[in-house]
Amino acid sequence: MNFQANTKQDLLIQLDVLIEQYQKVIQNNSLEILNIRIENKWSIYQNIDHINRSNKMTAIGYKTPKMMLGVFFGISRPRSRSTQEVIQMYQDHLHKGAKSPYLFEAKDWIINSNSELLEKYNDQISSLRKIIEDWSEKDLNIYCMKHPILGNITAQEMLSFTVYHQFHHMKTIQRIVENSELMGRKMS
């Protein structure tokens, strides 16, 4: 992934690459692999459930009228931080013990259908992507939103975080698939 991407268009290109990866994982793995938990960590399904919850709340932020965002979270005077700076800020919080708030935590459910999971994922990510498309580069750098760990950040920084967050969980998902293959489980 190119985390030097800082424009809306470049970040959306990165997001599209990740969307394809998520779709392939869902389509190409058995329910057993999607539901397996290794070392009591989230399963692939739970990682995707967490991503869906996060994307849904992020979409609500981008749907909020800009004037309301300005009233609640302010407007940015300095430039937005780069994608690399947002990633570093997020990783610093994780190293200090930050965890996903309860609202975004994956549940202990299992998925019973690849197609159901694929549909839920596609619905959430498509909705989020479409809403972001409607934002101008200028507005992304003016209006702020509330991130549960990072605090008030610009809409541009939220987009950088959102793309990185998808990548962060995809790396975890890829490790689960690799470990499942090592343990002798078969893909569909």
N, C-alpha and C. Protein backbone atom coordinates (compact mmCIF):
# COMPACT_ATOMS: atom_id res chain seq x y z
N MET A 1 0.84 -1.18 0.00
CA MET A 1 0.00 0.00 0.00
C MET A 1 0.89 1.24 0.00
N ASN A 2 0.40 2.24 -0.64
CA ASN A 2 1.13 3.51 -0.71
C ASN A 2 0.56 4.47 0.32
N PHE A 3 1.19 4.52 1.46
CA PHE A 3 0.69 5.41 2.50
C PHE A 3 1.30 6.80 2.41
N GLN A 4 1.86 7.10 1.24
CA GLN A 4 2.26 8.47 0.95
C GLN A 4 1.08 9.20 0.29
N ALA A 5 0.03 8.44 -0.06
CA ALA A 5 -1.15 9.02 -0.68
C ALA A 5 -1.81 9.99 0.30
N ASN A 6 -2.05 11.21 -0.15
CA ASN A 6 -2.63 12.22 0.72
C ASN A 6 -3.82 12.95 0.10
N THR A 7 -4.09 12.72 -1.18
CA THR A 7 -5.25 13.37 -1.79
C THR A 7 -6.44 12.43 -1.71
N LYS A 8 -7.61 13.00 -1.81
CA LYS A 8 -8.83 12.18 -1.78
C LYS A 8 -8.76 11.11 -2.86
N GLN A 9 -8.43 11.50 -4.07
CA GLN A 9 -8.43 10.54 -5.18
C GLN A 9 -7.42 9.43 -4.95
N ASP A 10 -6.22 9.77 -4.50
CA ASP A 10 -5.20 8.74 -4.25
C ASP A 10 -5.62 7.80 -3.12
N LEU A 11 -6.24 8.36 -2.09
CA LEU A 11 -6.71 7.52 -0.97
C LEU A 11 -7.85 6.62 -1.41
N LEU A 12 -8.75 7.12 -2.27
CA LEU A 12 -9.84 6.28 -2.75
C LEU A 12 -9.32 5.15 -3.64
N ILE A 13 -8.26 5.40 -4.38
CA ILE A 13 -7.63 4.32 -5.17
C ILE A 13 -7.10 3.24 -4.24
N GLN A 14 -6.45 3.65 -3.16
CA GLN A 14 -5.95 2.69 -2.17
C GLN A 14 -7.11 1.91 -1.54
N LEU A 15 -8.20 2.62 -1.25
CA LEU A 15 -9.37 1.97 -0.67
C LEU A 15 -9.94 0.93 -1.63
N ASP A 16 -9.98 1.25 -2.92
CA ASP A 16 -10.50 0.30 -3.92
C ASP A 16 -9.68 -0.99 -3.95
N VAL A 17 -8.37 -0.87 -3.81
CA VAL A 17 -7.50 -2.05 -3.78
C VAL A 17 -7.86 -2.91 -2.56
N LEU A 18 -8.06 -2.26 -1.44
CA LEU A 18 -8.41 -2.99 -0.21
C LEU A 18 -9.80 -3.62 -0.32
N ILE A 19 -10.73 -2.92 -0.92
CA ILE A 19 -12.08 -3.47 -1.10
C ILE A 19 -12.00 -4.79 -1.86
N GLU A 20 -11.22 -4.82 -2.92
CA GLU A 20 -11.04 -6.06 -3.69
C GLU A 20 -10.45 -7.17 -2.84
N GLN A 21 -9.49 -6.82 -1.99
CA GLN A 21 -8.87 -7.83 -1.12
C GLN A 21 -9.89 -8.40 -0.14
N TYR A 22 -10.70 -7.53 0.46
CA TYR A 22 -11.73 -8.02 1.38
C TYR A 22 -12.73 -8.92 0.66
N GLN A 23 -13.14 -8.52 -0.52
CA GLN A 23 -14.11 -9.33 -1.26
C GLN A 23 -13.53 -10.71 -1.58
N LYS A 24 -12.27 -10.77 -1.97
CA LYS A 24 -11.62 -12.06 -2.27
C LYS A 24 -11.52 -12.94 -1.03
N VAL A 25 -11.16 -12.34 0.10
CA VAL A 25 -11.07 -13.12 1.35
C VAL A 25 -12.42 -13.74 1.68
N ILE A 26 -13.47 -12.95 1.57
CA ILE A 26 -14.81 -13.45 1.91
C ILE A 26 -15.23 -14.54 0.94
N GLN A 27 -14.99 -14.34 -0.34
CA GLN A 27 -15.43 -15.30 -1.35
C GLN A 27 -14.59 -16.57 -1.39
N ASN A 28 -13.31 -16.46 -1.09
CA ASN A 28 -12.39 -17.58 -1.31
C ASN A 28 -12.07 -18.41 -0.08
N ASN A 29 -12.69 -18.12 1.05
CA ASN A 29 -12.40 -18.89 2.25
C ASN A 29 -13.65 -19.58 2.77
N SER A 30 -13.43 -20.74 3.33
CA SER A 30 -14.55 -21.51 3.89
C SER A 30 -15.09 -20.81 5.14
N LEU A 31 -16.29 -21.19 5.52
CA LEU A 31 -16.88 -20.65 6.75
C LEU A 31 -16.01 -21.01 7.95
N GLU A 32 -15.41 -22.20 7.91
CA GLU A 32 -14.53 -22.61 9.02
C GLU A 32 -13.39 -21.61 9.19
N ILE A 33 -12.76 -21.22 8.08
CA ILE A 33 -11.64 -20.27 8.17
C ILE A 33 -12.14 -18.89 8.56
N LEU A 34 -13.28 -18.47 8.02
CA LEU A 34 -13.82 -17.15 8.37
C LEU A 34 -14.16 -17.04 9.85
N ASN A 35 -14.50 -18.16 10.47
CA ASN A 35 -14.94 -18.16 11.87
C ASN A 35 -13.87 -18.57 12.88
N ILE A 36 -12.73 -19.08 12.40
CA ILE A 36 -11.73 -19.59 13.33
C ILE A 36 -11.09 -18.44 14.13
N ARG A 37 -10.91 -18.72 15.42
CA ARG A 37 -10.21 -17.77 16.30
C ARG A 37 -8.90 -18.42 16.71
N ILE A 38 -7.81 -17.72 16.46
CA ILE A 38 -6.49 -18.23 16.80
C ILE A 38 -5.96 -17.40 17.97
N GLU A 39 -5.52 -18.11 19.01
CA GLU A 39 -5.00 -17.48 20.23
C GLU A 39 -6.00 -16.47 20.82
N ASN A 40 -7.27 -16.82 20.75
CA ASN A 40 -8.34 -16.02 21.33
C ASN A 40 -8.44 -14.61 20.75
N LYS A 41 -7.94 -14.43 19.54
CA LYS A 41 -8.04 -13.15 18.83
C LYS A 41 -9.28 -13.19 17.95
N TRP A 42 -9.66 -12.05 17.44
CA TRP A 42 -10.82 -11.98 16.55
C TRP A 42 -10.62 -12.86 15.32
N SER A 43 -11.71 -13.49 14.89
CA SER A 43 -11.72 -14.26 13.66
C SER A 43 -11.73 -13.29 12.47
N ILE A 44 -11.60 -13.85 11.26
CA ILE A 44 -11.73 -13.02 10.06
C ILE A 44 -13.09 -12.35 10.07
N TYR A 45 -14.12 -13.14 10.34
CA TYR A 45 -15.47 -12.57 10.38
C TYR A 45 -15.54 -11.42 11.38
N GLN A 46 -15.00 -11.60 12.57
CA GLN A 46 -15.07 -10.56 13.59
C GLN A 46 -14.28 -9.31 13.17
N ASN A 47 -13.14 -9.50 12.50
CA ASN A 47 -12.41 -8.35 11.97
C ASN A 47 -13.26 -7.58 10.97
N ILE A 48 -13.96 -8.31 10.10
CA ILE A 48 -14.80 -7.65 9.09
C ILE A 48 -16.02 -7.03 9.75
N ASP A 49 -16.58 -7.68 10.76
CA ASP A 49 -17.70 -7.09 11.51
C ASP A 49 -17.26 -5.76 12.13
N HIS A 50 -16.06 -5.74 12.71
CA HIS A 50 -15.51 -4.51 13.29
C HIS A 50 -15.34 -3.43 12.22
N ILE A 51 -14.80 -3.81 11.06
CA ILE A 51 -14.63 -2.86 9.95
C ILE A 51 -15.98 -2.32 9.52
N ASN A 52 -16.99 -3.19 9.41
CA ASN A 52 -18.34 -2.75 9.02
C ASN A 52 -18.91 -1.75 10.02
N ARG A 53 -18.74 -2.03 11.31
CA ARG A 53 -19.24 -1.12 12.35
C ARG A 53 -18.53 0.23 12.26
N SER A 54 -17.24 0.18 12.08
CA SER A 54 -16.45 1.40 11.97
C SER A 54 -16.85 2.19 10.72
N ASN A 55 -16.97 1.49 9.59
CA ASN A 55 -17.35 2.17 8.35
C ASN A 55 -18.73 2.79 8.44
N LYS A 56 -19.63 2.12 9.13
CA LYS A 56 -20.99 2.66 9.29
C LYS A 56 -20.97 3.97 10.07
N MET A 57 -20.22 4.01 11.16
CA MET A 57 -20.14 5.24 11.96
C MET A 57 -19.38 6.34 11.22
N THR A 58 -18.36 5.97 10.48
CA THR A 58 -17.61 6.95 9.69
C THR A 58 -18.52 7.55 8.63
N ALA A 59 -19.34 6.72 8.00
CA ALA A 59 -20.28 7.23 6.99
C ALA A 59 -21.25 8.22 7.62
N ILE A 60 -21.70 7.96 8.83
CA ILE A 60 -22.58 8.90 9.52
C ILE A 60 -21.87 10.25 9.69
N GLY A 61 -20.59 10.21 10.04
CA GLY A 61 -19.82 11.44 10.16
C GLY A 61 -19.78 12.22 8.86
N TYR A 62 -19.53 11.53 7.76
CA TYR A 62 -19.47 12.21 6.45
C TYR A 62 -20.85 12.65 5.96
N LYS A 63 -21.92 12.01 6.44
CA LYS A 63 -23.28 12.42 6.06
C LYS A 63 -23.75 13.63 6.86
N THR A 64 -23.14 13.89 8.00
CA THR A 64 -23.55 15.00 8.85
C THR A 64 -23.34 16.31 8.10
N PRO A 65 -24.33 17.20 8.12
CA PRO A 65 -24.16 18.48 7.43
C PRO A 65 -22.88 19.17 7.90
N LYS A 66 -22.15 19.71 6.95
CA LYS A 66 -20.85 20.32 7.26
C LYS A 66 -20.97 21.43 8.30
N MET A 67 -22.04 22.20 8.23
CA MET A 67 -22.23 23.26 9.21
C MET A 67 -22.31 22.68 10.63
N MET A 68 -22.98 21.53 10.77
CA MET A 68 -23.07 20.88 12.08
C MET A 68 -21.70 20.38 12.54
N LEU A 69 -20.92 19.82 11.62
CA LEU A 69 -19.57 19.38 11.98
C LEU A 69 -18.76 20.56 12.49
N GLY A 70 -18.90 21.70 11.81
CA GLY A 70 -18.18 22.90 12.23
C GLY A 70 -18.58 23.35 13.62
N VAL A 71 -19.88 23.27 13.92
CA VAL A 71 -20.39 23.68 15.24
C VAL A 71 -19.89 22.72 16.32
N PHE A 72 -20.00 21.41 16.07
CA PHE A 72 -19.66 20.41 17.09
C PHE A 72 -18.15 20.19 17.24
N PHE A 73 -17.43 20.18 16.13
CA PHE A 73 -16.03 19.77 16.19
C PHE A 73 -15.04 20.83 15.70
N GLY A 74 -15.54 21.93 15.23
CA GLY A 74 -14.69 23.03 14.79
C GLY A 74 -14.24 22.90 13.36
N ILE A 75 -13.47 23.91 12.97
CA ILE A 75 -12.92 23.93 11.61
C ILE A 75 -11.41 23.97 11.76
N SER A 76 -10.75 23.36 10.80
CA SER A 76 -9.30 23.27 10.85
C SER A 76 -8.68 24.55 10.29
N ARG A 77 -7.78 25.11 11.03
CA ARG A 77 -7.05 26.28 10.53
C ARG A 77 -5.72 25.84 9.87
N PRO A 78 -4.92 25.03 10.57
CA PRO A 78 -3.70 24.57 9.90
C PRO A 78 -4.03 23.46 8.90
N ARG A 79 -3.05 23.04 8.18
CA ARG A 79 -3.24 21.96 7.20
C ARG A 79 -3.58 20.64 7.89
N SER A 80 -4.22 19.76 7.15
CA SER A 80 -4.43 18.40 7.66
C SER A 80 -3.09 17.70 7.76
N ARG A 81 -2.97 16.82 8.72
CA ARG A 81 -1.76 16.00 8.82
C ARG A 81 -1.71 15.03 7.65
N SER A 82 -0.53 14.62 7.28
CA SER A 82 -0.36 13.66 6.19
C SER A 82 -0.89 12.29 6.64
N THR A 83 -1.10 11.42 5.68
CA THR A 83 -1.51 10.06 5.99
C THR A 83 -0.49 9.39 6.90
N GLN A 84 0.79 9.60 6.62
CA GLN A 84 1.85 9.01 7.45
C GLN A 84 1.77 9.52 8.89
N GLU A 85 1.47 10.80 9.07
CA GLU A 85 1.35 11.37 10.41
C GLU A 85 0.14 10.80 11.15
N VAL A 86 -0.96 10.60 10.43
CA VAL A 86 -2.17 10.02 11.04
C VAL A 86 -1.89 8.58 11.46
N ILE A 87 -1.22 7.83 10.60
CA ILE A 87 -0.87 6.44 10.93
C ILE A 87 0.00 6.40 12.18
N GLN A 88 1.01 7.25 12.22
CA GLN A 88 1.91 7.28 13.37
C GLN A 88 1.15 7.64 14.65
N MET A 89 0.26 8.62 14.56
CA MET A 89 -0.54 9.02 15.72
C MET A 89 -1.39 7.84 16.21
N TYR A 90 -2.02 7.11 15.28
CA TYR A 90 -2.85 5.96 15.62
C TYR A 90 -2.00 4.86 16.26
N GLN A 91 -0.86 4.55 15.65
CA GLN A 91 0.01 3.51 16.19
C GLN A 91 0.53 3.89 17.58
N ASP A 92 0.82 5.16 17.80
CA ASP A 92 1.25 5.61 19.13
C ASP A 92 0.17 5.33 20.16
N HIS A 93 -1.08 5.60 19.80
CA HIS A 93 -2.20 5.34 20.73
C HIS A 93 -2.34 3.84 20.99
N LEU A 94 -2.18 3.02 19.94
CA LEU A 94 -2.28 1.57 20.12
C LEU A 94 -1.17 1.07 21.05
N HIS A 95 0.04 1.58 20.87
CA HIS A 95 1.17 1.17 21.71
C HIS A 95 0.96 1.57 23.17
N LYS A 96 0.17 2.61 23.38
CA LYS A 96 -0.13 3.06 24.75
C LYS A 96 -1.34 2.31 25.33
N GLY A 97 -1.89 1.35 24.56
CA GLY A 97 -2.97 0.53 25.08
C GLY A 97 -4.36 0.88 24.60
N ALA A 98 -4.48 1.80 23.66
CA ALA A 98 -5.82 2.15 23.15
C ALA A 98 -6.48 0.92 22.54
N LYS A 99 -7.76 0.79 22.81
CA LYS A 99 -8.55 -0.33 22.29
C LYS A 99 -9.78 0.22 21.58
N SER A 100 -10.36 -0.63 20.78
CA SER A 100 -11.59 -0.27 20.10
C SER A 100 -12.70 -0.03 21.13
N PRO A 101 -13.41 1.10 21.03
CA PRO A 101 -14.54 1.32 21.94
C PRO A 101 -15.60 0.22 21.77
N TYR A 102 -16.36 -0.01 22.81
CA TYR A 102 -17.36 -1.09 22.83
C TYR A 102 -18.25 -1.07 21.59
N LEU A 103 -18.69 0.10 21.18
CA LEU A 103 -19.59 0.24 20.04
C LEU A 103 -19.01 -0.39 18.77
N PHE A 104 -17.69 -0.38 18.66
CA PHE A 104 -17.03 -0.88 17.46
C PHE A 104 -16.46 -2.29 17.62
N GLU A 105 -16.55 -2.85 18.82
CA GLU A 105 -15.98 -4.17 19.06
C GLU A 105 -16.72 -5.24 18.28
N ALA A 106 -15.95 -6.20 17.79
CA ALA A 106 -16.55 -7.35 17.13
C ALA A 106 -17.29 -8.17 18.17
N LYS A 107 -18.35 -8.78 17.75
CA LYS A 107 -19.15 -9.60 18.65
C LYS A 107 -18.70 -11.06 18.55
N ASP A 108 -19.09 -11.87 19.50
CA ASP A 108 -18.70 -13.28 19.53
C ASP A 108 -19.58 -14.16 18.65
N TRP A 109 -20.12 -13.57 17.61
CA TRP A 109 -20.97 -14.34 16.71
C TRP A 109 -20.11 -15.05 15.68
N ILE A 110 -20.74 -15.98 15.01
CA ILE A 110 -20.11 -16.60 13.86
C ILE A 110 -20.97 -16.30 12.65
N ILE A 111 -20.37 -16.35 11.50
CA ILE A 111 -21.10 -16.10 10.25
C ILE A 111 -21.48 -17.46 9.66
N ASN A 112 -22.66 -17.53 9.12
CA ASN A 112 -23.15 -18.79 8.55
C ASN A 112 -23.23 -18.77 7.03
N SER A 113 -22.84 -17.64 6.42
CA SER A 113 -22.97 -17.52 4.98
C SER A 113 -21.95 -16.51 4.43
N ASN A 114 -21.14 -16.98 3.50
CA ASN A 114 -20.18 -16.07 2.85
C ASN A 114 -20.93 -14.96 2.12
N SER A 115 -22.02 -15.32 1.46
CA SER A 115 -22.75 -14.32 0.68
C SER A 115 -23.37 -13.24 1.58
N GLU A 116 -23.82 -13.63 2.76
CA GLU A 116 -24.37 -12.65 3.70
C GLU A 116 -23.28 -11.68 4.17
N LEU A 117 -22.12 -12.22 4.49
CA LEU A 117 -21.00 -11.39 4.92
C LEU A 117 -20.56 -10.46 3.79
N LEU A 118 -20.47 -11.00 2.58
CA LEU A 118 -20.06 -10.20 1.42
C LEU A 118 -21.06 -9.07 1.17
N GLU A 119 -22.34 -9.38 1.28
CA GLU A 119 -23.37 -8.36 1.07
C GLU A 119 -23.27 -7.25 2.12
N LYS A 120 -23.10 -7.63 3.39
CA LYS A 120 -22.98 -6.62 4.46
C LYS A 120 -21.74 -5.76 4.24
N TYR A 121 -20.63 -6.40 3.91
CA TYR A 121 -19.40 -5.64 3.68
C TYR A 121 -19.57 -4.68 2.51
N ASN A 122 -20.07 -5.20 1.38
CA ASN A 122 -20.24 -4.36 0.19
C ASN A 122 -21.18 -3.20 0.45
N ASP A 123 -22.27 -3.43 1.18
CA ASP A 123 -23.23 -2.36 1.49
C ASP A 123 -22.56 -1.25 2.29
N GLN A 124 -21.81 -1.63 3.34
CA GLN A 124 -21.19 -0.63 4.21
C GLN A 124 -20.10 0.15 3.47
N ILE A 125 -19.22 -0.56 2.79
CA ILE A 125 -18.08 0.11 2.16
C ILE A 125 -18.53 0.93 0.95
N SER A 126 -19.53 0.45 0.22
CA SER A 126 -20.04 1.21 -0.93
C SER A 126 -20.70 2.51 -0.48
N SER A 127 -21.47 2.42 0.59
CA SER A 127 -22.12 3.61 1.13
C SER A 127 -21.09 4.64 1.58
N LEU A 128 -20.09 4.19 2.31
CA LEU A 128 -19.04 5.08 2.79
C LEU A 128 -18.29 5.71 1.63
N ARG A 129 -17.90 4.91 0.67
CA ARG A 129 -17.13 5.42 -0.46
C ARG A 129 -17.91 6.46 -1.26
N LYS A 130 -19.18 6.19 -1.48
CA LYS A 130 -20.03 7.14 -2.24
C LYS A 130 -20.14 8.48 -1.51
N ILE A 131 -20.30 8.45 -0.22
CA ILE A 131 -20.42 9.68 0.57
C ILE A 131 -19.12 10.49 0.49
N ILE A 132 -17.99 9.81 0.59
CA ILE A 132 -16.69 10.50 0.52
C ILE A 132 -16.51 11.14 -0.85
N GLU A 133 -16.95 10.46 -1.89
CA GLU A 133 -16.85 11.01 -3.25
C GLU A 133 -17.49 12.39 -3.34
N ASP A 134 -18.56 12.61 -2.57
CA ASP A 134 -19.29 13.88 -2.63
C ASP A 134 -18.59 15.03 -1.92
N TRP A 135 -17.53 14.74 -1.18
CA TRP A 135 -16.78 15.79 -0.47
C TRP A 135 -15.71 16.37 -1.38
N SER A 136 -15.55 17.68 -1.34
CA SER A 136 -14.46 18.31 -2.08
C SER A 136 -13.18 18.19 -1.27
N GLU A 137 -12.06 18.26 -1.95
CA GLU A 137 -10.76 18.22 -1.28
C GLU A 137 -10.67 19.37 -0.27
N LYS A 138 -11.18 20.52 -0.65
CA LYS A 138 -11.14 21.70 0.23
C LYS A 138 -11.93 21.43 1.51
N ASP A 139 -13.16 20.93 1.38
CA ASP A 139 -13.99 20.66 2.56
C ASP A 139 -13.39 19.59 3.46
N LEU A 140 -12.75 18.58 2.84
CA LEU A 140 -12.10 17.54 3.63
C LEU A 140 -11.04 18.13 4.56
N ASN A 141 -10.42 19.20 4.11
CA ASN A 141 -9.35 19.81 4.89
C ASN A 141 -9.83 20.93 5.81
N ILE A 142 -11.11 21.27 5.75
CA ILE A 142 -11.66 22.34 6.60
C ILE A 142 -12.40 21.77 7.80
N TYR A 143 -13.30 20.82 7.54
CA TYR A 143 -14.21 20.35 8.58
C TYR A 143 -13.61 19.22 9.40
N CYS A 144 -13.92 19.22 10.68
CA CYS A 144 -13.40 18.22 11.60
C CYS A 144 -14.47 17.22 12.00
N MET A 145 -14.03 16.07 12.43
CA MET A 145 -14.88 14.99 12.91
C MET A 145 -14.26 14.45 14.19
N LYS A 146 -15.05 13.70 14.93
CA LYS A 146 -14.56 13.10 16.18
C LYS A 146 -14.20 11.64 15.94
N HIS A 147 -12.96 11.31 16.19
CA HIS A 147 -12.51 9.93 16.13
C HIS A 147 -12.45 9.41 17.57
N PRO A 148 -12.91 8.19 17.83
CA PRO A 148 -12.97 7.71 19.22
C PRO A 148 -11.61 7.57 19.91
N ILE A 149 -10.54 7.44 19.16
CA ILE A 149 -9.21 7.32 19.77
C ILE A 149 -8.37 8.57 19.51
N LEU A 150 -8.46 9.11 18.31
CA LEU A 150 -7.60 10.22 17.90
C LEU A 150 -8.17 11.59 18.26
N GLY A 151 -9.43 11.64 18.67
CA GLY A 151 -10.05 12.92 19.00
C GLY A 151 -10.52 13.65 17.75
N ASN A 152 -10.55 14.98 17.81
CA ASN A 152 -10.99 15.77 16.67
C ASN A 152 -9.90 15.79 15.60
N ILE A 153 -10.28 15.33 14.43
CA ILE A 153 -9.37 15.33 13.29
C ILE A 153 -10.14 15.84 12.08
N THR A 154 -9.42 16.29 11.05
CA THR A 154 -10.12 16.76 9.86
C THR A 154 -10.74 15.58 9.13
N ALA A 155 -11.70 15.89 8.27
CA ALA A 155 -12.33 14.85 7.45
C ALA A 155 -11.29 14.18 6.55
N GLN A 156 -10.28 14.93 6.12
CA GLN A 156 -9.18 14.37 5.33
C GLN A 156 -8.39 13.37 6.17
N GLU A 157 -8.10 13.73 7.41
CA GLU A 157 -7.38 12.82 8.30
C GLU A 157 -8.22 11.58 8.59
N MET A 158 -9.54 11.75 8.69
CA MET A 158 -10.43 10.60 8.90
C MET A 158 -10.38 9.67 7.69
N LEU A 159 -10.29 10.24 6.50
CA LEU A 159 -10.18 9.42 5.30
C LEU A 159 -8.85 8.65 5.32
N SER A 160 -7.77 9.33 5.67
CA SER A 160 -6.47 8.66 5.79
C SER A 160 -6.54 7.52 6.80
N PHE A 161 -7.15 7.80 7.96
CA PHE A 161 -7.30 6.77 8.98
C PHE A 161 -8.13 5.60 8.45
N THR A 162 -9.24 5.90 7.79
CA THR A 162 -10.16 4.87 7.31
C THR A 162 -9.45 3.91 6.36
N VAL A 163 -8.66 4.46 5.44
CA VAL A 163 -7.93 3.60 4.50
C VAL A 163 -6.90 2.77 5.27
N TYR A 164 -6.16 3.40 6.16
CA TYR A 164 -5.17 2.65 6.93
C TYR A 164 -5.83 1.59 7.81
N HIS A 165 -6.96 1.91 8.41
CA HIS A 165 -7.67 0.97 9.28
C HIS A 165 -8.06 -0.29 8.50
N GLN A 166 -8.53 -0.11 7.26
CA GLN A 166 -8.86 -1.26 6.41
C GLN A 166 -7.60 -2.11 6.20
N PHE A 167 -6.47 -1.44 5.92
CA PHE A 167 -5.21 -2.14 5.70
C PHE A 167 -4.75 -2.87 6.96
N HIS A 168 -4.82 -2.19 8.08
CA HIS A 168 -4.40 -2.75 9.37
C HIS A 168 -5.12 -4.08 9.64
N HIS A 169 -6.43 -4.10 9.42
CA HIS A 169 -7.19 -5.33 9.66
C HIS A 169 -6.98 -6.37 8.56
N MET A 170 -6.70 -5.91 7.33
CA MET A 170 -6.42 -6.88 6.27
C MET A 170 -5.13 -7.63 6.57
N LYS A 171 -4.13 -6.96 7.13
CA LYS A 171 -2.89 -7.65 7.51
C LYS A 171 -3.19 -8.74 8.55
N THR A 172 -4.05 -8.43 9.51
CA THR A 172 -4.44 -9.42 10.52
C THR A 172 -5.16 -10.59 9.86
N ILE A 173 -6.07 -10.28 8.95
CA ILE A 173 -6.84 -11.31 8.25
C ILE A 173 -5.90 -12.21 7.44
N GLN A 174 -4.92 -11.61 6.77
CA GLN A 174 -3.98 -12.41 5.98
C GLN A 174 -3.17 -13.36 6.87
N ARG A 175 -2.82 -12.91 8.08
CA ARG A 175 -2.11 -13.79 9.02
C ARG A 175 -3.01 -14.96 9.44
N ILE A 176 -4.28 -14.70 9.65
CA ILE A 176 -5.21 -15.77 10.03
C ILE A 176 -5.30 -16.81 8.91
N VAL A 177 -5.43 -16.34 7.67
CA VAL A 177 -5.51 -17.26 6.53
C VAL A 177 -4.24 -18.10 6.45
N GLU A 178 -3.08 -17.44 6.58
CA GLU A 178 -1.81 -18.17 6.53
C GLU A 178 -1.72 -19.20 7.66
N ASN A 179 -2.08 -18.82 8.88
CA ASN A 179 -2.05 -19.75 10.01
C ASN A 179 -3.02 -20.90 9.81
N SER A 180 -4.18 -20.62 9.24
CA SER A 180 -5.18 -21.67 8.99
C SER A 180 -4.62 -22.68 8.00
N GLU A 181 -3.94 -22.17 6.97
CA GLU A 181 -3.35 -23.07 5.98
C GLU A 181 -2.25 -23.92 6.62
N LEU A 182 -1.47 -23.31 7.50
CA LEU A 182 -0.43 -24.05 8.19
C LEU A 182 -1.00 -25.13 9.11
N MET A 183 -2.18 -24.85 9.65
CA MET A 183 -2.83 -25.80 10.56
C MET A 183 -3.59 -26.87 9.79
N GLY A 184 -3.53 -26.82 8.44
CA GLY A 184 -4.14 -27.87 7.65
C GLY A 184 -5.59 -27.64 7.29
N ARG A 185 -6.13 -26.48 7.60
CA ARG A 185 -7.50 -26.23 7.21
C ARG A 185 -7.51 -25.88 5.73
N LYS A 186 -8.59 -26.20 5.09
CA LYS A 186 -8.66 -25.98 3.66
C LYS A 186 -9.53 -24.79 3.33
N MET A 187 -9.13 -24.11 2.26
CA MET A 187 -9.95 -23.00 1.75
C MET A 187 -11.10 -23.63 0.96
N SER A 188 -12.17 -22.86 0.72
CA SER A 188 -13.32 -23.41 -0.01
C SER A 188 -12.96 -23.82 -1.40
